[in-house]
C-alpha cells in the first residue's frame, strides 16, 4: 500500500500524525531505493534543484548553508537569455544585449567585488565566533582531559553495568561520547551491544574496542538523523557552556532512531566542591542538575533519573537521642550528596 493510501482524507475528521507520516515516507523512499525504482543520482539532482531555486528562508537556520547560498549568489551574470517564441525577438534581444553588455559588466564587476568581500567578512566573523564558542566549551587543557579526573565520568564502576542494561536492545549502534579510555565500551561489548566511542583526545583503546578521535558535538552533527540506537554522554556534559549543553541535548535527540535511548552521566553540582579546583576555575561551563538534563532531553514519561552512590558521611554517635539523630541524618544528606547521577531518556517507537 502506498503512502498516499495510508493518509486519512482531509474531511475524515481524524488528526494526521505528522511524525508517523514522515516515518512512512522515509520507509517508502528506502523501499523504492532498494528496489531500484529511484535512480542512484535522482535524490542528488533533487537536492541541486532545490538548492538552486529555493528561497533563502527555506534553507533553515543553518548558518553555514545560508552563507554558502550567499557566496554562490555573489556572481552576477550579465548575459541575459535571448530565447523567445516570437519571430525576430531573439535577434533583437541579442542586439540589445551586445549594445549594453559593456555597461552592465562594469556595474556587475563592482557589485560582485563588494558581495564577495562582504561574504568573506561574514565568514571570518563566523570563524571567530566559532573559536570563542569552542574556547568557552573546551576543557582547560588537553593534558587535563587526557589524564585528569575532572573530565572523567564519576562512579564508573557503578554506572557501567546499569548503562549497559539500559541500552540493551537499542534499535541501532550505541555511541559513547566522550568515551575516555573505553571504560564503558568494554561493558557494552560484554553485554552484546554494538557500540563505539569518540573522544577529543587521541587514545590507544584495548583490543576489540572501536574508539575514534573526535569531539562529541562535531561527531553527532556529522551523522544523519536517526542513525543511532542510543547515545551515552559523559565527561563533556560537565564542562561545556550552557549553549553547547543545550545544543548537545537537542542534537543527541535527533540522532537516535524511533525507540532510541539517550543517557547522560553527569556530576552533581552539589558535589562540585570536591572536584579539582583548577578544572573548576578554568572550565568553560559547570555541571547541570539531573532535572535540567531531563528537561533538555524531553523524553517525557520515558525519562527517569538515577542517583549515584553516596560517599561516606558523618559517623553515627552511639546513644544519640532520636530527634538529634534525625537532624544529623538530614545534615549528612545535605553535606554528602551523591557525586553523580544518570538521566535515561527513552523515546517512543
C-alpha atoms as a PDB file:
ATOM      1  CA  UNK A   1       0.000   0.000   0.000  1.00  0.00           C
ATOM      2  CA  UNK A   2       1.388   3.386  -0.996  1.00  0.00           C
ATOM      3  CA  UNK A   3       1.877   6.283   1.386  1.00  0.00           C
ATOM      4  CA  UNK A   4      -0.953   8.238  -0.223  1.00  0.00           C
ATOM      5  CA  UNK A   5      -3.378   5.406   0.548  1.00  0.00           C
ATOM      6  CA  UNK A   6      -2.406   5.484   4.232  1.00  0.00           C
ATOM      7  CA  UNK A   7      -3.024   9.224   4.704  1.00  0.00           C
ATOM      8  CA  UNK A   8      -6.562   9.915   6.034  1.00  0.00           C
ATOM      9  CA  UNK A   9      -8.776  12.146   3.969  1.00  0.00           C
ATOM     10  CA  UNK A  10      -8.945  15.807   4.895  1.00  0.00           C
ATOM     11  CA  UNK A  11     -12.680  15.592   5.613  1.00  0.00           C
ATOM     12  CA  UNK A  12     -12.456  12.425   7.722  1.00  0.00           C
ATOM     13  CA  UNK A  13     -12.032  14.451  10.909  1.00  0.00           C
ATOM     14  CA  UNK A  14      -9.094  12.308  12.075  1.00  0.00           C
ATOM     15  CA  UNK A  15      -5.925  14.227  13.013  1.00  0.00           C
ATOM     16  CA  UNK A  16      -2.837  13.493  10.927  1.00  0.00           C
ATOM     17  CA  UNK A  17       0.169  12.152  12.821  1.00  0.00           C
ATOM     18  CA  UNK A  18       2.884  14.083  11.014  1.00  0.00           C
ATOM     19  CA  UNK A  19       5.725  12.225  12.735  1.00  0.00           C
ATOM     20  CA  UNK A  20       4.293   8.866  11.659  1.00  0.00           C
ATOM     21  CA  UNK A  21       3.690  10.243   8.162  1.00  0.00           C
ATOM     22  CA  UNK A  22       7.334  11.274   7.827  1.00  0.00           C
ATOM     23  CA  UNK A  23       8.440   7.825   9.001  1.00  0.00           C
ATOM     24  CA  UNK A  24       6.200   6.190   6.375  1.00  0.00           C
ATOM     25  CA  UNK A  25       7.606   8.438   3.665  1.00  0.00           C
ATOM     26  CA  UNK A  26      11.178   7.569   4.680  1.00  0.00           C
ATOM     27  CA  UNK A  27      10.316   3.864   4.619  1.00  0.00           C
ATOM     28  CA  UNK A  28       8.699   4.173   1.201  1.00  0.00           C
ATOM     29  CA  UNK A  29      11.721   6.017  -0.193  1.00  0.00           C
ATOM     30  CA  UNK A  30      14.070   3.408   1.284  1.00  0.00           C
ATOM     31  CA  UNK A  31      11.982   0.616  -0.290  1.00  0.00           C
ATOM     32  CA  UNK A  32      11.992   2.221  -3.725  1.00  0.00           C
ATOM     33  CA  UNK A  33      15.700   2.968  -3.463  1.00  0.00           C
ATOM     34  CA  UNK A  34      16.424  -0.663  -2.587  1.00  0.00           C
ATOM     35  CA  UNK A  35      14.213  -1.964  -5.417  1.00  0.00           C
ATOM     36  CA  UNK A  36      15.885   0.260  -7.994  1.00  0.00           C
ATOM     37  CA  UNK A  37      12.803   2.365  -8.771  1.00  0.00           C
ATOM     38  CA  UNK A  38      14.708   5.501  -7.755  1.00  0.00           C
ATOM     39  CA  UNK A  39      17.987   6.021  -9.676  1.00  0.00           C
ATOM     40  CA  UNK A  40      21.081   6.500  -7.574  1.00  0.00           C
ATOM     41  CA  UNK A  41      21.516  10.126  -8.669  1.00  0.00           C
ATOM     42  CA  UNK A  42      17.826  11.114  -8.506  1.00  0.00           C
ATOM     43  CA  UNK A  43      17.940  12.430  -4.920  1.00  0.00           C
ATOM     44  CA  UNK A  44      21.175  14.285  -5.612  1.00  0.00           C
ATOM     45  CA  UNK A  45      19.572  16.018  -8.609  1.00  0.00           C
ATOM     46  CA  UNK A  46      16.598  16.986  -6.449  1.00  0.00           C
ATOM     47  CA  UNK A  47      18.928  18.488  -3.839  1.00  0.00           C
ATOM     48  CA  UNK A  48      20.734  20.501  -6.519  1.00  0.00           C
ATOM     49  CA  UNK A  49      17.479  21.811  -7.965  1.00  0.00           C
ATOM     50  CA  UNK A  50      16.182  22.707  -4.501  1.00  0.00           C
ATOM     51  CA  UNK A  51      19.427  24.495  -3.616  1.00  0.00           C
ATOM     52  CA  UNK A  52      19.205  26.499  -6.841  1.00  0.00           C
ATOM     53  CA  UNK A  53      15.597  27.661  -6.762  1.00  0.00           C
ATOM     54  CA  UNK A  54      14.532  27.503  -3.099  1.00  0.00           C
ATOM     55  CA  UNK A  55      14.232  30.867  -1.302  1.00  0.00           C
ATOM     56  CA  UNK A  56      16.780  31.623   1.374  1.00  0.00           C
ATOM     57  CA  UNK A  57      14.304  31.226   4.253  1.00  0.00           C
ATOM     58  CA  UNK A  58      13.602  27.651   3.111  1.00  0.00           C
ATOM     59  CA  UNK A  59      17.188  26.618   3.835  1.00  0.00           C
ATOM     60  CA  UNK A  60      16.562  26.776   7.571  1.00  0.00           C
ATOM     61  CA  UNK A  61      18.617  28.236  10.404  1.00  0.00           C
ATOM     62  CA  UNK A  62      21.916  26.581   9.491  1.00  0.00           C
ATOM     63  CA  UNK A  63      24.374  29.471   9.249  1.00  0.00           C
ATOM     64  CA  UNK A  64      26.824  27.513   7.105  1.00  0.00           C
ATOM     65  CA  UNK A  65      24.202  26.672   4.476  1.00  0.00           C
ATOM     66  CA  UNK A  66      22.930  30.250   4.355  1.00  0.00           C
ATOM     67  CA  UNK A  67      26.480  31.543   3.963  1.00  0.00           C
ATOM     68  CA  UNK A  68      27.156  29.082   1.147  1.00  0.00           C
ATOM     69  CA  UNK A  69      23.973  30.256  -0.579  1.00  0.00           C
ATOM     70  CA  UNK A  70      25.097  33.879  -0.262  1.00  0.00           C
ATOM     71  CA  UNK A  71      28.550  33.012  -1.578  1.00  0.00           C
ATOM     72  CA  UNK A  72      27.129  31.215  -4.609  1.00  0.00           C
ATOM     73  CA  UNK A  73      24.958  34.259  -5.364  1.00  0.00           C
ATOM     74  CA  UNK A  74      27.792  36.804  -5.425  1.00  0.00           C
ATOM     75  CA  UNK A  75      28.464  36.322  -9.142  1.00  0.00           C
ATOM     76  CA  UNK A  76      26.222  38.363 -11.461  1.00  0.00           C
ATOM     77  CA  UNK A  77      25.752  37.053 -14.996  1.00  0.00           C
ATOM     78  CA  UNK A  78      25.405  39.957 -17.424  1.00  0.00           C
ATOM     79  CA  UNK A  79      24.468  37.711 -20.361  1.00  0.00           C
ATOM     80  CA  UNK A  80      20.684  37.742 -20.192  1.00  0.00           C
ATOM     81  CA  UNK A  81      18.828  34.947 -22.028  1.00  0.00           C
ATOM     82  CA  UNK A  82      17.617  35.760 -25.541  1.00  0.00           C
ATOM     83  CA  UNK A  83      15.218  32.865 -26.130  1.00  0.00           C
ATOM     84  CA  UNK A  84      11.674  33.713 -27.274  1.00  0.00           C
ATOM     85  CA  UNK A  85       8.798  32.019 -29.070  1.00  0.00           C
ATOM     86  CA  UNK A  86       8.075  35.140 -31.133  1.00  0.00           C
ATOM     87  CA  UNK A  87       9.796  35.589 -34.502  1.00  0.00           C
ATOM     88  CA  UNK A  88      12.714  38.050 -34.738  1.00  0.00           C
ATOM     89  CA  UNK A  89      12.612  38.704 -30.975  1.00  0.00           C
ATOM     90  CA  UNK A  90      15.734  36.612 -30.214  1.00  0.00           C
ATOM     91  CA  UNK A  91      17.700  38.594 -32.811  1.00  0.00           C
ATOM     92  CA  UNK A  92      16.559  41.914 -31.313  1.00  0.00           C
ATOM     93  CA  UNK A  93      17.474  40.717 -27.812  1.00  0.00           C
ATOM     94  CA  UNK A  94      20.950  39.724 -28.939  1.00  0.00           C
ATOM     95  CA  UNK A  95      21.493  43.154 -30.495  1.00  0.00           C
ATOM     96  CA  UNK A  96      20.323  44.930 -27.340  1.00  0.00           C
ATOM     97  CA  UNK A  97      22.400  42.657 -25.119  1.00  0.00           C
ATOM     98  CA  UNK A  98      25.511  43.293 -27.181  1.00  0.00           C
ATOM     99  CA  UNK A  99      24.908  47.035 -27.077  1.00  0.00           C
ATOM    100  CA  UNK A 100      24.605  47.319 -23.286  1.00  0.00           C
ATOM    101  CA  UNK A 101      26.831  44.454 -22.117  1.00  0.00           C
ATOM    102  CA  UNK A 102      29.830  46.749 -21.614  1.00  0.00           C
ATOM    103  CA  UNK A 103      27.853  48.917 -19.177  1.00  0.00           C
ATOM    104  CA  UNK A 104      26.302  46.002 -17.303  1.00  0.00           C
ATOM    105  CA  UNK A 105      29.661  44.247 -16.997  1.00  0.00           C
ATOM    106  CA  UNK A 106      31.188  47.367 -15.433  1.00  0.00           C
ATOM    107  CA  UNK A 107      28.463  47.518 -12.761  1.00  0.00           C
ATOM    108  CA  UNK A 108      28.434  43.736 -12.258  1.00  0.00           C
ATOM    109  CA  UNK A 109      32.160  43.678 -11.531  1.00  0.00           C
ATOM    110  CA  UNK A 110      31.778  46.284  -8.796  1.00  0.00           C
ATOM    111  CA  UNK A 111      28.729  44.640  -7.227  1.00  0.00           C
ATOM    112  CA  UNK A 112      30.375  41.208  -7.374  1.00  0.00           C
ATOM    113  CA  UNK A 113      33.547  42.527  -5.726  1.00  0.00           C
ATOM    114  CA  UNK A 114      31.505  44.137  -2.933  1.00  0.00           C
ATOM    115  CA  UNK A 115      29.398  40.984  -2.398  1.00  0.00           C
ATOM    116  CA  UNK A 116      32.493  38.754  -2.330  1.00  0.00           C
ATOM    117  CA  UNK A 117      34.188  40.999   0.242  1.00  0.00           C
ATOM    118  CA  UNK A 118      31.026  41.055   2.384  1.00  0.00           C
ATOM    119  CA  UNK A 119      30.657  37.269   2.352  1.00  0.00           C
ATOM    120  CA  UNK A 120      34.352  36.871   3.153  1.00  0.00           C
ATOM    121  CA  UNK A 121      33.980  39.234   6.113  1.00  0.00           C
ATOM    122  CA  UNK A 122      30.972  37.232   7.328  1.00  0.00           C
ATOM    123  CA  UNK A 123      32.938  34.002   7.053  1.00  0.00           C
ATOM    124  CA  UNK A 124      35.837  35.450   9.052  1.00  0.00           C
ATOM    125  CA  UNK A 125      33.385  36.685  11.676  1.00  0.00           C
ATOM    126  CA  UNK A 126      31.748  33.248  11.829  1.00  0.00           C
ATOM    127  CA  UNK A 127      35.153  31.623  12.347  1.00  0.00           C
ATOM    128  CA  UNK A 128      35.893  33.985  15.231  1.00  0.00           C
ATOM    129  CA  UNK A 129      32.527  33.264  16.839  1.00  0.00           C
ATOM    130  CA  UNK A 130      33.131  29.510  16.459  1.00  0.00           C
ATOM    131  CA  UNK A 131      36.563  29.907  18.050  1.00  0.00           C
ATOM    132  CA  UNK A 132      35.045  31.782  21.012  1.00  0.00           C
ATOM    133  CA  UNK A 133      32.336  29.163  21.456  1.00  0.00           C
ATOM    134  CA  UNK A 134      34.870  26.366  21.257  1.00  0.00           C
ATOM    135  CA  UNK A 135      37.133  28.059  23.797  1.00  0.00           C
ATOM    136  CA  UNK A 136      34.256  28.512  26.224  1.00  0.00           C
ATOM    137  CA  UNK A 137      33.249  24.844  25.935  1.00  0.00           C
ATOM    138  CA  UNK A 138      36.724  23.293  25.841  1.00  0.00           C
ATOM    139  CA  UNK A 139      38.496  21.846  28.894  1.00  0.00           C
ATOM    140  CA  UNK A 140      41.317  23.808  30.461  1.00  0.00           C
ATOM    141  CA  UNK A 141      43.885  21.785  28.520  1.00  0.00           C
ATOM    142  CA  UNK A 142      44.220  18.594  26.558  1.00  0.00           C
ATOM    143  CA  UNK A 143      46.583  17.284  29.204  1.00  0.00           C
ATOM    144  CA  UNK A 144      43.933  17.702  31.868  1.00  0.00           C
ATOM    145  CA  UNK A 145      41.456  15.825  29.728  1.00  0.00           C
ATOM    146  CA  UNK A 146      43.922  13.063  28.953  1.00  0.00           C
ATOM    147  CA  UNK A 147      44.995  12.228  32.439  1.00  0.00           C
ATOM    148  CA  UNK A 148      42.767  14.124  34.757  1.00  0.00           C
ATOM    149  CA  UNK A 149      39.869  13.067  36.787  1.00  0.00           C
ATOM    150  CA  UNK A 150      37.755  16.227  36.296  1.00  0.00           C
ATOM    151  CA  UNK A 151      36.651  15.282  32.779  1.00  0.00           C
ATOM    152  CA  UNK A 152      36.143  11.615  33.507  1.00  0.00           C
ATOM    153  CA  UNK A 153      32.719  10.276  34.266  1.00  0.00           C
ATOM    154  CA  UNK A 154      32.309   9.824  38.028  1.00  0.00           C
ATOM    155  CA  UNK A 155      31.467   6.495  39.663  1.00  0.00           C
ATOM    156  CA  UNK A 156      32.389   4.437  36.603  1.00  0.00           C
ATOM    157  CA  UNK A 157      32.153   1.047  38.267  1.00  0.00           C
ATOM    158  CA  UNK A 158      28.673   1.907  39.499  1.00  0.00           C
ATOM    159  CA  UNK A 159      27.283   3.168  36.174  1.00  0.00           C
ATOM    160  CA  UNK A 160      28.881   0.755  33.695  1.00  0.00           C
ATOM    161  CA  UNK A 161      26.554  -2.245  34.315  1.00  0.00           C
ATOM    162  CA  UNK A 162      23.483  -0.033  34.745  1.00  0.00           C
ATOM    163  CA  UNK A 163      24.042   1.827  31.470  1.00  0.00           C
ATOM    164  CA  UNK A 164      24.789  -1.418  29.655  1.00  0.00           C
ATOM    165  CA  UNK A 165      21.479  -2.853  30.866  1.00  0.00           C
ATOM    166  CA  UNK A 166      19.642   0.340  29.839  1.00  0.00           C
ATOM    167  CA  UNK A 167      20.810   0.315  26.205  1.00  0.00           C
ATOM    168  CA  UNK A 168      20.477  -3.427  25.544  1.00  0.00           C
ATOM    169  CA  UNK A 169      18.032  -3.842  22.706  1.00  0.00           C
ATOM    170  CA  UNK A 170      18.557  -0.335  21.310  1.00  0.00           C
ATOM    171  CA  UNK A 171      17.428  -0.049  17.659  1.00  0.00           C
ATOM    172  CA  UNK A 172      20.912   0.548  16.240  1.00  0.00           C
ATOM    173  CA  UNK A 173      24.521   1.201  17.185  1.00  0.00           C
ATOM    174  CA  UNK A 174      25.331   2.809  20.514  1.00  0.00           C
ATOM    175  CA  UNK A 175      27.643   5.830  20.712  1.00  0.00           C
ATOM    176  CA  UNK A 176      29.531   6.811  23.860  1.00  0.00           C
ATOM    177  CA  UNK A 177      30.813  10.384  23.890  1.00  0.00           C
ATOM    178  CA  UNK A 178      33.176  11.051  25.490  1.00  0.00           C
ATOM    179  CA  UNK A 179      34.455   7.510  25.865  1.00  0.00           C
ATOM    180  CA  UNK A 180      37.760   8.414  27.575  1.00  0.00           C
ATOM    181  CA  UNK A 181      39.756   5.149  27.648  1.00  0.00           C
ATOM    182  CA  UNK A 182      36.794   2.975  26.601  1.00  0.00           C
ATOM    183  CA  UNK A 183      35.713   2.007  30.126  1.00  0.00           C
ATOM    184  CA  UNK A 184      32.026   1.774  29.179  1.00  0.00           C
ATOM    185  CA  UNK A 185      32.580   0.242  25.728  1.00  0.00           C
ATOM    186  CA  UNK A 186      34.111  -2.844  27.316  1.00  0.00           C
ATOM    187  CA  UNK A 187      30.959  -3.410  29.400  1.00  0.00           C
ATOM    188  CA  UNK A 188      28.717  -2.784  26.404  1.00  0.00           C
ATOM    189  CA  UNK A 189      30.657  -5.300  24.338  1.00  0.00           C
ATOM    190  CA  UNK A 190      30.357  -7.892  27.113  1.00  0.00           C
ATOM    191  CA  UNK A 191      26.586  -7.312  27.113  1.00  0.00           C
ATOM    192  CA  UNK A 192      26.410  -7.952  23.361  1.00  0.00           C
ATOM    193  CA  UNK A 193      25.796  -4.301  22.432  1.00  0.00           C
ATOM    194  CA  UNK A 194      27.231  -2.986  19.154  1.00  0.00           C
ATOM    195  CA  UNK A 195      28.922   0.176  20.419  1.00  0.00           C
ATOM    196  CA  UNK A 196      31.714   2.580  19.590  1.00  0.00           C
ATOM    197  CA  UNK A 197      33.080   5.717  21.189  1.00  0.00           C
ATOM    198  CA  UNK A 198      34.552   9.121  20.408  1.00  0.00           C
ATOM    199  CA  UNK A 199      36.900  11.265  22.490  1.00  0.00           C
ATOM    200  CA  UNK A 200      38.649  14.558  21.672  1.00  0.00           C
ATOM    201  CA  UNK A 201      41.982  13.213  22.918  1.00  0.00           C
ATOM    202  CA  UNK A 202      43.845  10.571  20.932  1.00  0.00           C
ATOM    203  CA  UNK A 203      43.939   7.341  22.927  1.00  0.00           C
ATOM    204  CA  UNK A 204      45.009   3.750  22.438  1.00  0.00           C
ATOM    205  CA  UNK A 205      41.983   1.626  23.348  1.00  0.00           C
ATOM    206  CA  UNK A 206      42.161  -2.044  24.325  1.00  0.00           C
ATOM    207  CA  UNK A 207      41.835  -4.641  21.593  1.00  0.00           C
ATOM    208  CA  UNK A 208      38.354  -5.062  20.199  1.00  0.00           C
ATOM    209  CA  UNK A 209      37.160  -1.555  21.149  1.00  0.00           C
ATOM    210  CA  UNK A 210      36.318   0.994  18.440  1.00  0.00           C
ATOM    211  CA  UNK A 211      37.367   4.431  19.642  1.00  0.00           C
ATOM    212  CA  UNK A 212      37.681   7.453  17.355  1.00  0.00           C
ATOM    213  CA  UNK A 213      39.344  10.809  17.965  1.00  0.00           C
ATOM    214  CA  UNK A 214      36.562  13.373  17.642  1.00  0.00           C
ATOM    215  CA  UNK A 215      34.558  15.822  19.737  1.00  0.00           C
ATOM    216  CA  UNK A 216      31.062  14.851  20.795  1.00  0.00           C
ATOM    217  CA  UNK A 217      29.201  17.736  19.149  1.00  0.00           C
ATOM    218  CA  UNK A 218      31.230  17.567  15.941  1.00  0.00           C
ATOM    219  CA  UNK A 219      30.723  13.833  15.553  1.00  0.00           C
ATOM    220  CA  UNK A 220      26.999  13.930  16.309  1.00  0.00           C
ATOM    221  CA  UNK A 221      26.497  16.845  13.932  1.00  0.00           C
ATOM    222  CA  UNK A 222      28.052  14.874  11.066  1.00  0.00           C
ATOM    223  CA  UNK A 223      25.701  11.898  11.491  1.00  0.00           C
ATOM    224  CA  UNK A 224      22.367  11.581   9.665  1.00  0.00           C
ATOM    225  CA  UNK A 225      19.251  11.934  11.782  1.00  0.00           C
ATOM    226  CA  UNK A 226      18.021   8.662  13.276  1.00  0.00           C
ATOM    227  CA  UNK A 227      21.360   6.950  12.641  1.00  0.00           C
ATOM    228  CA  UNK A 228      21.966   5.621  16.172  1.00  0.00           C
ATOM    229  CA  UNK A 229      20.088   3.355  18.517  1.00  0.00           C
ATOM    230  CA  UNK A 230      21.382   5.035  21.670  1.00  0.00           C
ATOM    231  CA  UNK A 231      23.729   7.829  22.734  1.00  0.00           C
ATOM    232  CA  UNK A 232      25.594   7.891  26.064  1.00  0.00           C
ATOM    233  CA  UNK A 233      27.036  11.283  27.047  1.00  0.00           C
ATOM    234  CA  UNK A 234      29.589  11.780  29.815  1.00  0.00           C
ATOM    235  CA  UNK A 235      32.614  13.915  30.610  1.00  0.00           C
ATOM    236  CA  UNK A 236      31.896  16.767  28.219  1.00  0.00           C
ATOM    237  CA  UNK A 237      28.453  17.346  29.754  1.00  0.00           C
ATOM    238  CA  UNK A 238      30.090  18.711  32.924  1.00  0.00           C
ATOM    239  CA  UNK A 239      32.432  21.262  31.348  1.00  0.00           C
ATOM    240  CA  UNK A 240      30.533  22.645  28.346  1.00  0.00           C
ATOM    241  CA  UNK A 241      28.969  26.077  28.374  1.00  0.00           C
ATOM    242  CA  UNK A 242      25.198  26.277  28.659  1.00  0.00           C
ATOM    243  CA  UNK A 243      24.718  26.954  24.955  1.00  0.00           C
ATOM    244  CA  UNK A 244      26.679  23.862  23.964  1.00  0.00           C
ATOM    245  CA  UNK A 245      24.946  21.757  26.593  1.00  0.00           C
ATOM    246  CA  UNK A 246      21.544  22.677  25.150  1.00  0.00           C
ATOM    247  CA  UNK A 247      22.800  22.022  21.628  1.00  0.00           C
ATOM    248  CA  UNK A 248      24.282  18.682  22.661  1.00  0.00           C
ATOM    249  CA  UNK A 249      20.973  17.510  24.122  1.00  0.00           C
ATOM    250  CA  UNK A 250      18.986  18.633  21.066  1.00  0.00           C
ATOM    251  CA  UNK A 251      21.449  17.011  18.644  1.00  0.00           C
ATOM    252  CA  UNK A 252      21.524  13.714  20.537  1.00  0.00           C
ATOM    253  CA  UNK A 253      17.712  13.574  20.434  1.00  0.00           C
ATOM    254  CA  UNK A 254      17.650  13.916  16.643  1.00  0.00           C
ATOM    255  CA  UNK A 255      20.379  11.358  16.008  1.00  0.00           C
ATOM    256  CA  UNK A 256      18.643   8.417  17.719  1.00  0.00           C
ATOM    257  CA  UNK A 257      16.096   6.376  15.813  1.00  0.00           C
ATOM    258  CA  UNK A 258      12.479   5.993  16.970  1.00  0.00           C
ATOM    259  CA  UNK A 259      12.575   3.904  20.120  1.00  0.00           C
ATOM    260  CA  UNK A 260      16.118   5.089  20.822  1.00  0.00           C
ATOM    261  CA  UNK A 261      17.716   5.999  24.132  1.00  0.00           C
ATOM    262  CA  UNK A 262      19.842   8.917  25.353  1.00  0.00           C
ATOM    263  CA  UNK A 263      21.773   8.554  28.619  1.00  0.00           C
ATOM    264  CA  UNK A 264      23.593  11.387  30.399  1.00  0.00           C
ATOM    265  CA  UNK A 265      26.089  10.562  33.146  1.00  0.00           C
ATOM    266  CA  UNK A 266      26.745  13.810  34.992  1.00  0.00           C
ATOM    267  CA  UNK A 267      28.379  15.178  38.094  1.00  0.00           C
ATOM    268  CA  UNK A 268      26.008  16.522  40.712  1.00  0.00           C
ATOM    269  CA  UNK A 269      26.589  20.294  41.109  1.00  0.00           C
ATOM    270  CA  UNK A 270      26.205  19.934  44.896  1.00  0.00           C
ATOM    271  CA  UNK A 271      29.338  17.799  44.959  1.00  0.00           C
ATOM    272  CA  UNK A 272      31.329  20.084  42.644  1.00  0.00           C
ATOM    273  CA  UNK A 273      33.266  21.427  45.607  1.00  0.00           C
ATOM    274  CA  UNK A 274      35.091  18.121  45.862  1.00  0.00           C
ATOM    275  CA  UNK A 275      36.310  18.355  42.252  1.00  0.00           C
ATOM    276  CA  UNK A 276      39.707  19.595  41.130  1.00  0.00           C
ATOM    277  CA  UNK A 277      39.747  23.374  41.861  1.00  0.00           C
ATOM    278  CA  UNK A 278      41.904  24.082  38.791  1.00  0.00           C
ATOM    279  CA  UNK A 279      39.422  22.382  36.465  1.00  0.00           C
ATOM    280  CA  UNK A 280      36.587  24.145  38.285  1.00  0.00           C
ATOM    281  CA  UNK A 281      38.092  27.595  37.792  1.00  0.00           C
ATOM    282  CA  UNK A 282      39.334  27.188  34.214  1.00  0.00           C
ATOM    283  CA  UNK A 283      36.493  25.093  32.843  1.00  0.00           C
ATOM    284  CA  UNK A 284      34.215  26.646  30.236  1.00  0.00           C
ATOM    285  CA  UNK A 285      30.991  25.636  31.973  1.00  0.00           C
ATOM    286  CA  UNK A 286      29.605  23.948  35.028  1.00  0.00           C
ATOM    287  CA  UNK A 287      27.648  20.747  35.722  1.00  0.00           C
ATOM    288  CA  UNK A 288      23.877  20.847  35.410  1.00  0.00           C
ATOM    289  CA  UNK A 289      21.346  19.281  37.751  1.00  0.00           C
ATOM    290  CA  UNK A 290      19.794  15.994  36.744  1.00  0.00           C
ATOM    291  CA  UNK A 291      16.364  17.614  36.454  1.00  0.00           C
ATOM    292  CA  UNK A 292      17.762  20.088  33.930  1.00  0.00           C
ATOM    293  CA  UNK A 293      19.117  17.325  31.690  1.00  0.00           C
ATOM    294  CA  UNK A 294      15.789  15.514  31.949  1.00  0.00           C
ATOM    295  CA  UNK A 295      14.066  18.691  30.745  1.00  0.00           C
ATOM    296  CA  UNK A 296      16.548  19.227  27.876  1.00  0.00           C
ATOM    297  CA  UNK A 297      16.268  15.632  26.668  1.00  0.00           C
ATOM    298  CA  UNK A 298      12.485  15.908  26.608  1.00  0.00           C
ATOM    299  CA  UNK A 299      11.757  12.213  26.895  1.00  0.00           C
ATOM    300  CA  UNK A 300       8.511  12.811  28.781  1.00  0.00           C
ATOM    301  CA  UNK A 301       7.270   9.851  30.791  1.00  0.00           C
ATOM    302  CA  UNK A 302      10.134   7.774  29.390  1.00  0.00           C
ATOM    303  CA  UNK A 303      12.734   9.859  31.222  1.00  0.00           C
ATOM    304  CA  UNK A 304      13.923   8.936  34.694  1.00  0.00           C
ATOM    305  CA  UNK A 305      16.822   9.939  36.939  1.00  0.00           C
ATOM    306  CA  UNK A 306      19.106   7.513  38.777  1.00  0.00           C
ATOM    307  CA  UNK A 307      21.120   8.751  41.748  1.00  0.00           C
ATOM    308  CA  UNK A 308      24.692   7.622  42.167  1.00  0.00           C
ATOM    309  CA  UNK A 309      26.213   6.117  45.307  1.00  0.00           C
ATOM    310  CA  UNK A 310      26.588   8.422  48.273  1.00  0.00           C
ATOM    311  CA  UNK A 311      30.075   8.965  49.693  1.00  0.00           C
ATOM    312  CA  UNK A 312      30.840   8.183  53.330  1.00  0.00           C
ATOM    313  CA  UNK A 313      29.295  10.828  55.589  1.00  0.00           C
ATOM    314  CA  UNK A 314      29.123  11.570  59.272  1.00  0.00           C
ATOM    315  CA  UNK A 315      29.721   8.748  61.671  1.00  0.00           C
ATOM    316  CA  UNK A 316      26.721   7.812  63.840  1.00  0.00           C
ATOM    317  CA  UNK A 317      27.242   8.565  67.505  1.00  0.00           C
ATOM    318  CA  UNK A 318      26.001   5.836  69.870  1.00  0.00           C
ATOM    319  CA  UNK A 319      23.368   6.940  72.318  1.00  0.00           C
ATOM    320  CA  UNK A 320      22.235   9.961  70.292  1.00  0.00           C
ATOM    321  CA  UNK A 321      18.615  10.968  71.020  1.00  0.00           C
ATOM    322  CA  UNK A 322      16.206  10.154  68.144  1.00  0.00           C
ATOM    323  CA  UNK A 323      15.442  13.809  67.341  1.00  0.00           C
ATOM    324  CA  UNK A 324      19.109  14.714  67.171  1.00  0.00           C
ATOM    325  CA  UNK A 325      19.903  11.581  65.154  1.00  0.00           C
ATOM    326  CA  UNK A 326      17.213  12.528  62.601  1.00  0.00           C
ATOM    327  CA  UNK A 327      18.654  16.034  62.278  1.00  0.00           C
ATOM    328  CA  UNK A 328      22.165  14.659  61.901  1.00  0.00           C
ATOM    329  CA  UNK A 329      20.920  12.273  59.208  1.00  0.00           C
ATOM    330  CA  UNK A 330      19.340  15.186  57.322  1.00  0.00           C
ATOM    331  CA  UNK A 331      22.540  17.185  57.682  1.00  0.00           C
ATOM    332  CA  UNK A 332      24.519  14.196  56.443  1.00  0.00           C
ATOM    333  CA  UNK A 333      22.394  14.050  53.285  1.00  0.00           C
ATOM    334  CA  UNK A 334      22.913  17.753  52.605  1.00  0.00           C
ATOM    335  CA  UNK A 335      26.663  17.731  53.209  1.00  0.00           C
ATOM    336  CA  UNK A 336      27.438  14.489  51.381  1.00  0.00           C
ATOM    337  CA  UNK A 337      25.124  14.144  48.361  1.00  0.00           C
ATOM    338  CA  UNK A 338      25.803  11.570  45.600  1.00  0.00           C
ATOM    339  CA  UNK A 339      28.673  12.643  43.390  1.00  0.00           C
ATOM    340  CA  UNK A 340      26.911  11.635  40.173  1.00  0.00           C
ATOM    341  CA  UNK A 341      23.627  10.819  38.517  1.00  0.00           C
ATOM    342  CA  UNK A 342      22.356   9.271  35.308  1.00  0.00           C
ATOM    343  CA  UNK A 343      19.431  10.529  33.228  1.00  0.00           C
ATOM    344  CA  UNK A 344      17.880   7.914  30.934  1.00  0.00           C
ATOM    345  CA  UNK A 345      15.507   9.168  28.234  1.00  0.00           C
ATOM    346  CA  UNK A 346      13.619   6.576  26.178  1.00  0.00           C
ATOM    347  CA  UNK A 347      11.814   7.868  23.114  1.00  0.00           C
ATOM    348  CA  UNK A 348       8.659   6.255  21.733  1.00  0.00           C
ATOM    349  CA  UNK A 349       8.876   3.992  18.728  1.00  0.00           C
END
